[in-house]
């Protein structure tokens, strides 16, 4: 027969194996302590999905508000330009009408003098 180990050698081999298994189980337990349970992961994933949906909704609302503000600003600029144009025309008329009245008066006066 092949040489069989003695009981003492078997005891040392088993002791060595136990020590290695204990260290491996210790490593495994330390890693398992760091692993998140499936329930916690599911809850966290659900929360993240809900938060992302809320943020997307907020972004859309901000985008809509920005578009409304841009439209309002463009309308204000058009209204302001129209108001300025109307005011410019009023000032022009206020300057031209008296000059025309003076010219017509002068023409009538000259015509009256020439007609005599």
PDB file of N, CA and C in Angstrom:
ATOM      1  N   UNK A   1       0.815  -1.186   0.000  1.00  0.00           N
ATOM      2  CA  UNK A   1       0.000   0.000   0.000  1.00  0.00           C
ATOM      3  C   UNK A   1       0.853   1.242   0.000  1.00  0.00           C
ATOM      4  N   UNK A   2       0.197   2.293  -0.475  1.00  0.00           N
ATOM      5  CA  UNK A   2       0.903   3.561  -0.464  1.00  0.00           C
ATOM      6  C   UNK A   2       1.005   4.039   0.965  1.00  0.00           C
ATOM      7  N   UNK A   3       1.953   4.878   1.159  1.00  0.00           N
ATOM      8  CA  UNK A   3       2.140   5.359   2.524  1.00  0.00           C
ATOM      9  C   UNK A   3       0.953   6.185   2.935  1.00  0.00           C
ATOM     10  N   UNK A   4       0.340   5.791   3.980  1.00  0.00           N
ATOM     11  CA  UNK A   4      -0.806   6.536   4.497  1.00  0.00           C
ATOM     12  C   UNK A   4      -0.311   7.424   5.612  1.00  0.00           C
ATOM     13  N   UNK A   5      -0.882   8.649   5.662  1.00  0.00           N
ATOM     14  CA  UNK A   5      -0.407   9.544   6.718  1.00  0.00           C
ATOM     15  C   UNK A   5      -0.851   9.032   8.081  1.00  0.00           C
ATOM     16  N   UNK A   6      -0.088   9.396   9.039  1.00  0.00           N
ATOM     17  CA  UNK A   6      -0.425   8.996  10.401  1.00  0.00           C
ATOM     18  C   UNK A   6      -1.532   9.882  10.928  1.00  0.00           C
ATOM     19  N   UNK A   7      -2.075   9.497  12.056  1.00  0.00           N
ATOM     20  CA  UNK A   7      -3.153  10.287  12.657  1.00  0.00           C
ATOM     21  C   UNK A   7      -2.679  11.696  12.988  1.00  0.00           C
ATOM     22  N   UNK A   8      -1.481  11.835  13.425  1.00  0.00           N
ATOM     23  CA  UNK A   8      -0.934  13.162  13.745  1.00  0.00           C
ATOM     24  C   UNK A   8      -0.848  14.032  12.505  1.00  0.00           C
ATOM     25  N   UNK A   9      -0.361  13.433  11.397  1.00  0.00           N
ATOM     26  CA  UNK A   9      -0.272  14.185  10.143  1.00  0.00           C
ATOM     27  C   UNK A   9      -1.664  14.563   9.644  1.00  0.00           C
ATOM     28  N   UNK A  10      -2.618  13.594   9.773  1.00  0.00           N
ATOM     29  CA  UNK A  10      -3.989  13.892   9.363  1.00  0.00           C
ATOM     30  C   UNK A  10      -4.566  15.031  10.196  1.00  0.00           C
ATOM     31  N   UNK A  11      -4.297  15.032  11.470  1.00  0.00           N
ATOM     32  CA  UNK A  11      -4.776  16.102  12.343  1.00  0.00           C
ATOM     33  C   UNK A  11      -4.204  17.449  11.924  1.00  0.00           C
ATOM     34  N   UNK A  12      -2.909  17.480  11.587  1.00  0.00           N
ATOM     35  CA  UNK A  12      -2.287  18.740  11.145  1.00  0.00           C
ATOM     36  C   UNK A  12      -2.865  19.180   9.809  1.00  0.00           C
ATOM     37  N   UNK A  13      -3.078  18.250   8.895  1.00  0.00           N
ATOM     38  CA  UNK A  13      -3.662  18.597   7.592  1.00  0.00           C
ATOM     39  C   UNK A  13      -5.077  19.159   7.766  1.00  0.00           C
ATOM     40  N   UNK A  14      -5.869  18.487   8.612  1.00  0.00           N
ATOM     41  CA  UNK A  14      -7.237  18.956   8.857  1.00  0.00           C
ATOM     42  C   UNK A  14      -7.200  20.314   9.549  1.00  0.00           C
ATOM     43  N   UNK A  15      -6.286  20.489  10.488  1.00  0.00           N
ATOM     44  CA  UNK A  15      -6.149  21.795  11.153  1.00  0.00           C
ATOM     45  C   UNK A  15      -5.793  22.895  10.165  1.00  0.00           C
ATOM     46  N   UNK A  16      -4.893  22.586   9.234  1.00  0.00           N
ATOM     47  CA  UNK A  16      -4.515  23.575   8.210  1.00  0.00           C
ATOM     48  C   UNK A  16      -5.687  23.911   7.311  1.00  0.00           C
ATOM     49  N   UNK A  17      -6.440  22.860   6.951  1.00  0.00           N
ATOM     50  CA  UNK A  17      -7.616  23.091   6.117  1.00  0.00           C
ATOM     51  C   UNK A  17      -8.652  23.931   6.859  1.00  0.00           C
ATOM     52  N   UNK A  18      -8.849  23.638   8.130  1.00  0.00           N
ATOM     53  CA  UNK A  18      -9.801  24.426   8.920  1.00  0.00           C
ATOM     54  C   UNK A  18      -9.381  25.891   8.984  1.00  0.00           C
ATOM     55  N   UNK A  19      -8.107  26.119   9.159  1.00  0.00           N
ATOM     56  CA  UNK A  19      -7.616  27.502   9.240  1.00  0.00           C
ATOM     57  C   UNK A  19      -7.843  28.232   7.917  1.00  0.00           C
ATOM     58  N   UNK A  20      -7.545  27.554   6.807  1.00  0.00           N
ATOM     59  CA  UNK A  20      -7.755  28.185   5.500  1.00  0.00           C
ATOM     60  C   UNK A  20      -9.238  28.421   5.246  1.00  0.00           C
ATOM     61  N   UNK A  21     -10.087  27.447   5.606  1.00  0.00           N
ATOM     62  CA  UNK A  21     -11.530  27.628   5.436  1.00  0.00           C
ATOM     63  C   UNK A  21     -12.047  28.760   6.313  1.00  0.00           C
ATOM     64  N   UNK A  22     -11.553  28.836   7.547  1.00  0.00           N
ATOM     65  CA  UNK A  22     -11.965  29.925   8.440  1.00  0.00           C
ATOM     66  C   UNK A  22     -11.583  31.276   7.848  1.00  0.00           C
ATOM     67  N   UNK A  23     -10.392  31.376   7.294  1.00  0.00           N
ATOM     68  CA  UNK A  23      -9.978  32.666   6.722  1.00  0.00           C
ATOM     69  C   UNK A  23     -10.811  32.994   5.477  1.00  0.00           C
ATOM     70  N   UNK A  24     -11.098  31.981   4.661  1.00  0.00           N
ATOM     71  CA  UNK A  24     -11.917  32.217   3.467  1.00  0.00           C
ATOM     72  C   UNK A  24     -13.338  32.615   3.841  1.00  0.00           C
ATOM     73  N   UNK A  25     -13.920  31.923   4.853  1.00  0.00           N
ATOM     74  CA  UNK A  25     -15.261  32.291   5.315  1.00  0.00           C
ATOM     75  C   UNK A  25     -15.251  33.693   5.934  1.00  0.00           C
ATOM     76  N   UNK A  26     -14.174  34.040   6.588  1.00  0.00           N
ATOM     77  CA  UNK A  26     -14.056  35.392   7.145  1.00  0.00           C
ATOM     78  C   UNK A  26     -14.065  36.444   6.046  1.00  0.00           C
ATOM     79  N   UNK A  27     -13.317  36.187   4.963  1.00  0.00           N
ATOM     80  CA  UNK A  27     -13.310  37.104   3.822  1.00  0.00           C
ATOM     81  C   UNK A  27     -14.703  37.193   3.199  1.00  0.00           C
ATOM     82  N   UNK A  28     -15.334  36.017   3.055  1.00  0.00           N
ATOM     83  CA  UNK A  28     -16.666  35.983   2.467  1.00  0.00           C
ATOM     84  C   UNK A  28     -17.665  36.744   3.325  1.00  0.00           C
ATOM     85  N   UNK A  29     -17.619  36.563   4.633  1.00  0.00           N
ATOM     86  CA  UNK A  29     -18.524  37.285   5.534  1.00  0.00           C
ATOM     87  C   UNK A  29     -18.279  38.789   5.483  1.00  0.00           C
ATOM     88  N   UNK A  30     -17.015  39.187   5.417  1.00  0.00           N
ATOM     89  CA  UNK A  30     -16.743  40.628   5.340  1.00  0.00           C
ATOM     90  C   UNK A  30     -17.262  41.208   4.034  1.00  0.00           C
ATOM     91  N   UNK A  31     -17.178  40.459   2.943  1.00  0.00           N
ATOM     92  CA  UNK A  31     -17.721  40.932   1.672  1.00  0.00           C
ATOM     93  C   UNK A  31     -19.237  40.954   1.703  1.00  0.00           C
ATOM     94  N   UNK A  32     -19.863  39.938   2.329  1.00  0.00           N
ATOM     95  CA  UNK A  32     -21.319  39.901   2.423  1.00  0.00           C
ATOM     96  C   UNK A  32     -21.848  41.042   3.281  1.00  0.00           C
ATOM     97  N   UNK A  33     -21.087  41.474   4.267  1.00  0.00           N
ATOM     98  CA  UNK A  33     -21.498  42.612   5.084  1.00  0.00           C
ATOM     99  C   UNK A  33     -21.567  43.887   4.247  1.00  0.00           C
ATOM    100  N   UNK A  34     -20.761  43.957   3.203  1.00  0.00           N
ATOM    101  CA  UNK A  34     -20.735  45.152   2.355  1.00  0.00           C
ATOM    102  C   UNK A  34     -21.771  45.093   1.235  1.00  0.00           C
ATOM    103  N   UNK A  35     -22.263  43.914   0.918  1.00  0.00           N
ATOM    104  CA  UNK A  35     -23.230  43.748  -0.170  1.00  0.00           C
ATOM    105  C   UNK A  35     -24.603  44.218   0.319  1.00  0.00           C
ATOM    106  N   UNK A  36     -25.270  44.989  -0.525  1.00  0.00           N
ATOM    107  CA  UNK A  36     -26.590  45.507  -0.198  1.00  0.00           C
ATOM    108  C   UNK A  36     -27.623  44.411  -0.481  1.00  0.00           C
ATOM    109  N   UNK A  37     -28.573  44.293   0.404  1.00  0.00           N
ATOM    110  CA  UNK A  37     -29.601  43.274   0.191  1.00  0.00           C
ATOM    111  C   UNK A  37     -30.475  43.656  -0.992  1.00  0.00           C
ATOM    112  N   UNK A  38     -31.137  42.672  -1.568  1.00  0.00           N
ATOM    113  CA  UNK A  38     -31.980  42.887  -2.739  1.00  0.00           C
ATOM    114  C   UNK A  38     -33.134  43.832  -2.425  1.00  0.00           C
ATOM    115  N   UNK A  39     -33.695  43.741  -1.214  1.00  0.00           N
ATOM    116  CA  UNK A  39     -34.798  44.628  -0.837  1.00  0.00           C
ATOM    117  C   UNK A  39     -34.344  46.083  -0.818  1.00  0.00           C
ATOM    118  N   UNK A  40     -33.180  46.306  -0.214  1.00  0.00           N
ATOM    119  CA  UNK A  40     -32.663  47.676  -0.153  1.00  0.00           C
ATOM    120  C   UNK A  40     -32.366  48.177  -1.557  1.00  0.00           C
ATOM    121  N   UNK A  41     -31.791  47.337  -2.391  1.00  0.00           N
ATOM    122  CA  UNK A  41     -31.494  47.727  -3.766  1.00  0.00           C
ATOM    123  C   UNK A  41     -32.770  48.062  -4.525  1.00  0.00           C
ATOM    124  N   UNK A  42     -33.808  47.251  -4.352  1.00  0.00           N
ATOM    125  CA  UNK A  42     -35.082  47.493  -5.031  1.00  0.00           C
ATOM    126  C   UNK A  42     -35.695  48.817  -4.577  1.00  0.00           C
ATOM    127  N   UNK A  43     -35.673  49.053  -3.280  1.00  0.00           N
ATOM    128  CA  UNK A  43     -36.221  50.311  -2.750  1.00  0.00           C
ATOM    129  C   UNK A  43     -35.436  51.496  -3.277  1.00  0.00           C
ATOM    130  N   UNK A  44     -34.120  51.366  -3.264  1.00  0.00           N
ATOM    131  CA  UNK A  44     -33.288  52.465  -3.756  1.00  0.00           C
ATOM    132  C   UNK A  44     -33.512  52.695  -5.246  1.00  0.00           C
ATOM    133  N   UNK A  45     -33.614  51.640  -6.013  1.00  0.00           N
ATOM    134  CA  UNK A  45     -33.852  51.778  -7.455  1.00  0.00           C
ATOM    135  C   UNK A  45     -35.186  52.450  -7.725  1.00  0.00           C
ATOM    136  N   UNK A  46     -36.211  52.053  -6.970  1.00  0.00           N
ATOM    137  CA  UNK A  46     -37.533  52.668  -7.127  1.00  0.00           C
ATOM    138  C   UNK A  46     -37.467  54.153  -6.803  1.00  0.00           C
ATOM    139  N   UNK A  47     -36.775  54.506  -5.718  1.00  0.00           N
ATOM    140  CA  UNK A  47     -36.650  55.915  -5.329  1.00  0.00           C
ATOM    141  C   UNK A  47     -35.920  56.706  -6.413  1.00  0.00           C
ATOM    142  N   UNK A  48     -34.829  56.129  -6.934  1.00  0.00           N
ATOM    143  CA  UNK A  48     -34.063  56.827  -7.972  1.00  0.00           C
ATOM    144  C   UNK A  48     -34.924  57.043  -9.211  1.00  0.00           C
ATOM    145  N   UNK A  49     -35.692  56.037  -9.601  1.00  0.00           N
ATOM    146  CA  UNK A  49     -36.566  56.174 -10.771  1.00  0.00           C
ATOM    147  C   UNK A  49     -37.625  57.248 -10.543  1.00  0.00           C
ATOM    148  N   UNK A  50     -38.212  57.263  -9.343  1.00  0.00           N
ATOM    149  CA  UNK A  50     -39.218  58.289  -9.032  1.00  0.00           C
ATOM    150  C   UNK A  50     -38.589  59.675  -9.026  1.00  0.00           C
ATOM    151  N   UNK A  51     -37.411  59.774  -8.464  1.00  0.00           N
ATOM    152  CA  UNK A  51     -36.729  61.078  -8.399  1.00  0.00           C
ATOM    153  C   UNK A  51     -36.372  61.558  -9.807  1.00  0.00           C
ATOM    154  N   UNK A  52     -35.904  60.644 -10.651  1.00  0.00           N
ATOM    155  CA  UNK A  52     -35.589  61.027 -12.029  1.00  0.00           C
ATOM    156  C   UNK A  52     -36.836  61.491 -12.773  1.00  0.00           C
ATOM    157  N   UNK A  53     -37.947  60.799 -12.562  1.00  0.00           N
ATOM    158  CA  UNK A  53     -39.202  61.212 -13.206  1.00  0.00           C
ATOM    159  C   UNK A  53     -39.613  62.598 -12.720  1.00  0.00           C
ATOM    160  N   UNK A  54     -39.463  62.849 -11.415  1.00  0.00           N
ATOM    161  CA  UNK A  54     -39.799  64.173 -10.858  1.00  0.00           C
ATOM    162  C   UNK A  54     -38.885  65.248 -11.442  1.00  0.00           C
ATOM    163  N   UNK A  55     -37.604  64.941 -11.545  1.00  0.00           N
ATOM    164  CA  UNK A  55     -36.670  65.916 -12.110  1.00  0.00           C
ATOM    165  C   UNK A  55     -36.965  66.190 -13.582  1.00  0.00           C
ATOM    166  N   UNK A  56     -37.331  65.150 -14.326  1.00  0.00           N
ATOM    167  CA  UNK A  56     -37.707  65.356 -15.723  1.00  0.00           C
ATOM    168  C   UNK A  56     -38.953  66.226 -15.825  1.00  0.00           C
ATOM    169  N   UNK A  57     -39.889  66.016 -14.923  1.00  0.00           N
ATOM    170  CA  UNK A  57     -41.099  66.839 -14.894  1.00  0.00           C
ATOM    171  C   UNK A  57     -40.744  68.288 -14.568  1.00  0.00           C
ATOM    172  N   UNK A  58     -39.855  68.484 -13.609  1.00  0.00           N
ATOM    173  CA  UNK A  58     -39.424  69.837 -13.248  1.00  0.00           C
ATOM    174  C   UNK A  58     -38.708  70.513 -14.410  1.00  0.00           C
ATOM    175  N   UNK A  59     -37.872  69.765 -15.098  1.00  0.00           N
ATOM    176  CA  UNK A  59     -37.150  70.323 -16.252  1.00  0.00           C
ATOM    177  C   UNK A  59     -38.134  70.725 -17.340  1.00  0.00           C
ATOM    178  N   UNK A  60     -39.126  69.889 -17.596  1.00  0.00           N
ATOM    179  CA  UNK A  60     -40.128  70.210 -18.615  1.00  0.00           C
ATOM    180  C   UNK A  60     -40.911  71.455 -18.226  1.00  0.00           C
ATOM    181  N   UNK A  61     -41.284  71.547 -16.939  1.00  0.00           N
ATOM    182  CA  UNK A  61     -42.029  72.717 -16.468  1.00  0.00           C
ATOM    183  C   UNK A  61     -41.174  73.978 -16.606  1.00  0.00           C
ATOM    184  N   UNK A  62     -39.886  73.881 -16.269  1.00  0.00           N
ATOM    185  CA  UNK A  62     -38.987  75.034 -16.417  1.00  0.00           C
ATOM    186  C   UNK A  62     -38.836  75.414 -17.890  1.00  0.00           C
ATOM    187  N   UNK A  63     -38.761  74.417 -18.744  1.00  0.00           N
ATOM    188  CA  UNK A  63     -38.644  74.681 -20.177  1.00  0.00           C
ATOM    189  C   UNK A  63     -39.891  75.386 -20.700  1.00  0.00           C
ATOM    190  N   UNK A  64     -41.058  74.915 -20.267  1.00  0.00           N
ATOM    191  CA  UNK A  64     -42.314  75.559 -20.676  1.00  0.00           C
ATOM    192  C   UNK A  64     -42.383  76.993 -20.176  1.00  0.00           C
ATOM    193  N   UNK A  65     -41.979  77.202 -18.932  1.00  0.00           N
ATOM    194  CA  UNK A  65     -41.994  78.547 -18.353  1.00  0.00           C
ATOM    195  C   UNK A  65     -41.038  79.463 -19.103  1.00  0.00           C
ATOM    196  N   UNK A  66     -39.872  78.948 -19.448  1.00  0.00           N
ATOM    197  CA  UNK A  66     -38.888  79.732 -20.200  1.00  0.00           C
ATOM    198  C   UNK A  66     -39.450  80.115 -21.566  1.00  0.00           C
ATOM    199  N   UNK A  67     -40.108  79.174 -22.217  1.00  0.00           N
ATOM    200  CA  UNK A  67     -40.698  79.465 -23.530  1.00  0.00           C
ATOM    201  C   UNK A  67     -41.774  80.542 -23.409  1.00  0.00           C
ATOM    202  N   UNK A  68     -42.594  80.461 -22.354  1.00  0.00           N
ATOM    203  CA  UNK A  68     -43.630  81.483 -22.143  1.00  0.00           C
ATOM    204  C   UNK A  68     -43.000  82.852 -21.892  1.00  0.00           C
ATOM    205  N   UNK A  69     -41.934  82.879 -21.092  1.00  0.00           N
ATOM    206  CA  UNK A  69     -41.256  84.152 -20.821  1.00  0.00           C
ATOM    207  C   UNK A  69     -40.630  84.729 -22.085  1.00  0.00           C
ATOM    208  N   UNK A  70     -40.051  83.862 -22.908  1.00  0.00           N
ATOM    209  CA  UNK A  70     -39.467  84.344 -24.166  1.00  0.00           C
ATOM    210  C   UNK A  70     -40.550  84.914 -25.078  1.00  0.00           C
ATOM    211  N   UNK A  71     -41.690  84.236 -25.150  1.00  0.00           N
ATOM    212  CA  UNK A  71     -42.802  84.739 -25.963  1.00  0.00           C
ATOM    213  C   UNK A  71     -43.306  86.075 -25.432  1.00  0.00           C
ATOM    214  N   UNK A  72     -43.414  86.182 -24.106  1.00  0.00           N
ATOM    215  CA  UNK A  72     -43.877  87.437 -23.501  1.00  0.00           C
ATOM    216  C   UNK A  72     -42.879  88.565 -23.771  1.00  0.00           C
ATOM    217  N   UNK A  73     -41.592  88.258 -23.715  1.00  0.00           N
ATOM    218  CA  UNK A  73     -40.572  89.272 -23.986  1.00  0.00           C
ATOM    219  C   UNK A  73     -40.639  89.728 -25.438  1.00  0.00           C
ATOM    220  N   UNK A  74     -40.800  88.786 -26.355  1.00  0.00           N
ATOM    221  CA  UNK A  74     -40.926  89.161 -27.766  1.00  0.00           C
ATOM    222  C   UNK A  74     -42.159  90.032 -27.997  1.00  0.00           C
ATOM    223  N   UNK A  75     -43.272  89.696 -27.370  1.00  0.00           N
ATOM    224  CA  UNK A  75     -44.493  90.497 -27.503  1.00  0.00           C
ATOM    225  C   UNK A  75     -44.273  91.888 -26.930  1.00  0.00           C
ATOM    226  N   UNK A  76     -43.612  91.966 -25.779  1.00  0.00           N
ATOM    227  CA  UNK A  76     -43.328  93.269 -25.169  1.00  0.00           C
ATOM    228  C   UNK A  76     -42.463  94.106 -26.098  1.00  0.00           C
ATOM    229  N   UNK A  77     -41.432  93.483 -26.697  1.00  0.00           N
ATOM    230  CA  UNK A  77     -40.554  94.231 -27.602  1.00  0.00           C
ATOM    231  C   UNK A  77     -41.324  94.735 -28.821  1.00  0.00           C
ATOM    232  N   UNK A  78     -42.237  93.901 -29.358  1.00  0.00           N
ATOM    233  CA  UNK A  78     -43.062  94.361 -30.495  1.00  0.00           C
ATOM    234  C   UNK A  78     -43.971  95.518 -30.083  1.00  0.00           C
ATOM    235  N   UNK A  79     -44.606  95.393 -28.917  1.00  0.00           N
ATOM    236  CA  UNK A  79     -45.492  96.456 -28.424  1.00  0.00           C
ATOM    237  C   UNK A  79     -44.714  97.744 -28.176  1.00  0.00           C
ATOM    238  N   UNK A  80     -43.527  97.608 -27.611  1.00  0.00           N
ATOM    239  CA  UNK A  80     -42.704  98.790 -27.331  1.00  0.00           C
ATOM    240  C   UNK A  80     -42.263  99.458 -28.635  1.00  0.00           C
ATOM    241  N   UNK A  81     -41.900  98.668 -29.625  1.00  0.00           N
ATOM    242  CA  UNK A  81     -41.511  99.243 -30.922  1.00  0.00           C
ATOM    243  C   UNK A  81     -42.689  99.965 -31.565  1.00  0.00           C
ATOM    244  N   UNK A  82     -43.890  99.374 -31.494  1.00  0.00           N
ATOM    245  CA  UNK A  82     -45.085 100.029 -32.047  1.00  0.00           C
ATOM    246  C   UNK A  82     -45.391 101.327 -31.301  1.00  0.00           C
ATOM    247  N   UNK A  83     -45.266 101.300 -29.968  1.00  0.00           N
ATOM    248  CA  UNK A  83     -45.519 102.510 -29.182  1.00  0.00           C
ATOM    249  C   UNK A  83     -44.534 103.610 -29.562  1.00  0.00           C
ATOM    250  N   UNK A  84     -43.274 103.257 -29.731  1.00  0.00           N
ATOM    251  CA  UNK A  84     -42.266 104.264 -30.110  1.00  0.00           C
ATOM    252  C   UNK A  84     -42.537 104.821 -31.505  1.00  0.00           C
ATOM    253  N   UNK A  85     -42.941 103.941 -32.425  1.00  0.00           N
ATOM    254  CA  UNK A  85     -43.262 104.412 -33.775  1.00  0.00           C
ATOM    255  C   UNK A  85     -44.465 105.355 -33.745  1.00  0.00           C
ATOM    256  N   UNK A  86     -45.500 105.004 -32.971  1.00  0.00           N
ATOM    257  CA  UNK A  86     -46.665 105.884 -32.851  1.00  0.00           C
ATOM    258  C   UNK A  86     -46.268 107.230 -32.246  1.00  0.00           C
ATOM    259  N   UNK A  87     -45.420 107.185 -31.238  1.00  0.00           N
ATOM    260  CA  UNK A  87     -44.975 108.436 -30.592  1.00  0.00           C
ATOM    261  C   UNK A  87     -44.151 109.283 -31.563  1.00  0.00           C
ATOM    262  N   UNK A  88     -43.300 108.622 -32.353  1.00  0.00           N
ATOM    263  CA  UNK A  88     -42.493 109.350 -33.344  1.00  0.00           C
ATOM    264  C   UNK A  88     -43.395 110.016 -34.377  1.00  0.00           C
ATOM    265  N   UNK A  89     -44.434 109.306 -34.824  1.00  0.00           N
ATOM    266  CA  UNK A  89     -45.357 109.893 -35.793  1.00  0.00           C
ATOM    267  C   UNK A  89     -46.110 111.072 -35.190  1.00  0.00           C
ATOM    268  N   UNK A  90     -46.525 110.969 -33.933  1.00  0.00           N
ATOM    269  CA  UNK A  90     -47.217 112.094 -33.281  1.00  0.00           C
ATOM    270  C   UNK A  90     -46.316 113.314 -33.216  1.00  0.00           C
ATOM    271  N   UNK A  91     -45.056 113.114 -32.852  1.00  0.00           N
ATOM    272  CA  UNK A  91     -44.126 114.255 -32.778  1.00  0.00           C
ATOM    273  C   UNK A  91     -43.900 114.856 -34.162  1.00  0.00           C
ATOM    274  N   UNK A  92     -43.813 113.998 -35.171  1.00  0.00           N
ATOM    275  CA  UNK A  92     -43.633 114.490 -36.529  1.00  0.00           C
ATOM    276  C   UNK A  92     -44.833 115.338 -36.951  1.00  0.00           C
ATOM    277  N   UNK A  93     -46.040 114.823 -36.676  1.00  0.00           N
ATOM    278  CA  UNK A  93     -47.246 115.580 -37.007  1.00  0.00           C
ATOM    279  C   UNK A  93     -47.302 116.886 -36.223  1.00  0.00           C
ATOM    280  N   UNK A  94     -46.881 116.833 -34.966  1.00  0.00           N
ATOM    281  CA  UNK A  94     -46.903 118.056 -34.150  1.00  0.00           C
ATOM    282  C   UNK A  94     -45.945 119.104 -34.701  1.00  0.00           C
ATOM    283  N   UNK A  95     -44.878 118.682 -35.363  1.00  0.00           N
ATOM    284  CA  UNK A  95     -43.938 119.645 -35.939  1.00  0.00           C
ATOM    285  C   UNK A  95     -44.373 120.080 -37.338  1.00  0.00           C
ATOM    286  N   UNK A  96     -44.956 119.175 -38.118  1.00  0.00           N
ATOM    287  CA  UNK A  96     -45.283 119.473 -39.511  1.00  0.00           C
ATOM    288  C   UNK A  96     -46.568 120.298 -39.625  1.00  0.00           C
ATOM    289  N   UNK A  97     -47.585 120.004 -38.829  1.00  0.00           N
ATOM    290  CA  UNK A  97     -48.878 120.695 -38.935  1.00  0.00           C
ATOM    291  C   UNK A  97     -48.728 122.201 -38.722  1.00  0.00           C
ATOM    292  N   UNK A  98     -48.043 122.673 -37.672  1.00  0.00           N
ATOM    293  CA  UNK A  98     -47.909 124.136 -37.533  1.00  0.00           C
ATOM    294  C   UNK A  98     -47.160 124.785 -38.705  1.00  0.00           C
ATOM    295  N   UNK A  99     -46.170 124.062 -39.232  1.00  0.00           N
ATOM    296  CA  UNK A  99     -45.430 124.620 -40.376  1.00  0.00           C
ATOM    297  C   UNK A  99     -46.355 124.719 -41.590  1.00  0.00           C
ATOM    298  N   UNK A 100     -47.165 123.699 -41.819  1.00  0.00           N
ATOM    299  CA  UNK A 100     -48.112 123.736 -42.935  1.00  0.00           C
ATOM    300  C   UNK A 100     -49.137 124.850 -42.754  1.00  0.00           C
ATOM    301  N   UNK A 101     -49.615 125.032 -41.525  1.00  0.00           N
ATOM    302  CA  UNK A 101     -50.580 126.106 -41.258  1.00  0.00           C
ATOM    303  C   UNK A 101     -49.936 127.460 -41.546  1.00  0.00           C
ATOM    304  N   UNK A 102     -48.690 127.605 -41.128  1.00  0.00           N
ATOM    305  CA  UNK A 102     -47.978 128.867 -41.403  1.00  0.00           C
ATOM    306  C   UNK A 102     -47.812 129.092 -42.909  1.00  0.00           C
ATOM    307  N   UNK A 103     -47.433 128.023 -43.625  1.00  0.00           N
ATOM    308  CA  UNK A 103     -47.258 128.162 -45.071  1.00  0.00           C
ATOM    309  C   UNK A 103     -48.577 128.505 -45.768  1.00  0.00           C
ATOM    310  N   UNK A 104     -49.665 127.837 -45.341  1.00  0.00           N
ATOM    311  CA  UNK A 104     -50.964 128.128 -45.935  1.00  0.00           C
ATOM    312  C   UNK A 104     -51.370 129.566 -45.609  1.00  0.00           C
ATOM    313  N   UNK A 105     -51.161 129.984 -44.372  1.00  0.00           N
ATOM    314  CA  UNK A 105     -51.489 131.367 -43.990  1.00  0.00           C
ATOM    315  C   UNK A 105     -50.678 132.363 -44.798  1.00  0.00           C
ATOM    316  N   UNK A 106     -49.393 132.081 -44.953  1.00  0.00           N
ATOM    317  CA  UNK A 106     -48.540 132.977 -45.737  1.00  0.00           C
ATOM    318  C   UNK A 106     -48.990 133.005 -47.191  1.00  0.00           C
ATOM    319  N   UNK A 107     -49.370 131.846 -47.747  1.00  0.00           N
ATOM    320  CA  UNK A 107     -49.821 131.797 -49.139  1.00  0.00           C
ATOM    321  C   UNK A 107     -51.106 132.586 -49.293  1.00  0.00           C
ATOM    322  N   UNK A 108     -52.024 132.479 -48.330  1.00  0.00           N
ATOM    323  CA  UNK A 108     -53.288 133.228 -48.395  1.00  0.00           C
ATOM    324  C   UNK A 108     -53.011 134.719 -48.282  1.00  0.00           C
ATOM    325  N   UNK A 109     -52.075 135.085 -47.396  1.00  0.00           N
ATOM    326  CA  UNK A 109     -51.749 136.506 -47.240  1.00  0.00           C
ATOM    327  C   UNK A 109     -51.133 137.056 -48.518  1.00  0.00           C
ATOM    328  N   UNK A 110     -50.232 136.311 -49.113  1.00  0.00           N
ATOM    329  CA  UNK A 110     -49.584 136.752 -50.349  1.00  0.00           C
ATOM    330  C   UNK A 110     -50.632 136.817 -51.461  1.00  0.00           C
ATOM    331  N   UNK A 111     -51.513 135.867 -51.543  1.00  0.00           N
ATOM    332  CA  UNK A 111     -52.546 135.856 -52.578  1.00  0.00           C
ATOM    333  C   UNK A 111     -53.504 137.044 -52.394  1.00  0.00           C
ATOM    334  N   UNK A 112     -53.813 137.351 -51.114  1.00  0.00           N
ATOM    335  CA  UNK A 112     -54.700 138.490 -50.839  1.00  0.00           C
ATOM    336  C   UNK A 112     -54.045 139.783 -51.262  1.00  0.00           C
ATOM    337  N   UNK A 113     -52.742 139.913 -51.034  1.00  0.00           N
ATOM    338  CA  UNK A 113     -52.030 141.128 -51.400  1.00  0.00           C
ATOM    339  C   UNK A 113     -51.930 141.221 -52.935  1.00  0.00           C
ATOM    340  N   UNK A 114     -51.651 140.129 -53.577  1.00  0.00           N
ATOM    341  CA  UNK A 114     -51.499 140.121 -55.020  1.00  0.00           C
ATOM    342  C   UNK A 114     -52.859 140.343 -55.696  1.00  0.00           C
ATOM    343  N   UNK A 115     -53.916 139.856 -55.120  1.00  0.00           N
ATOM    344  CA  UNK A 115     -55.225 139.940 -55.712  1.00  0.00           C
ATOM    345  C   UNK A 115     -55.766 141.378 -55.632  1.00  0.00           C
ATOM    346  N   UNK A 116     -55.308 142.239 -54.807  1.00  0.00           N
ATOM    347  CA  UNK A 116     -55.829 143.592 -54.686  1.00  0.00           C
ATOM    348  C   UNK A 116     -55.374 144.432 -55.778  1.00  0.00           C
TER     349      UNK A 116
END
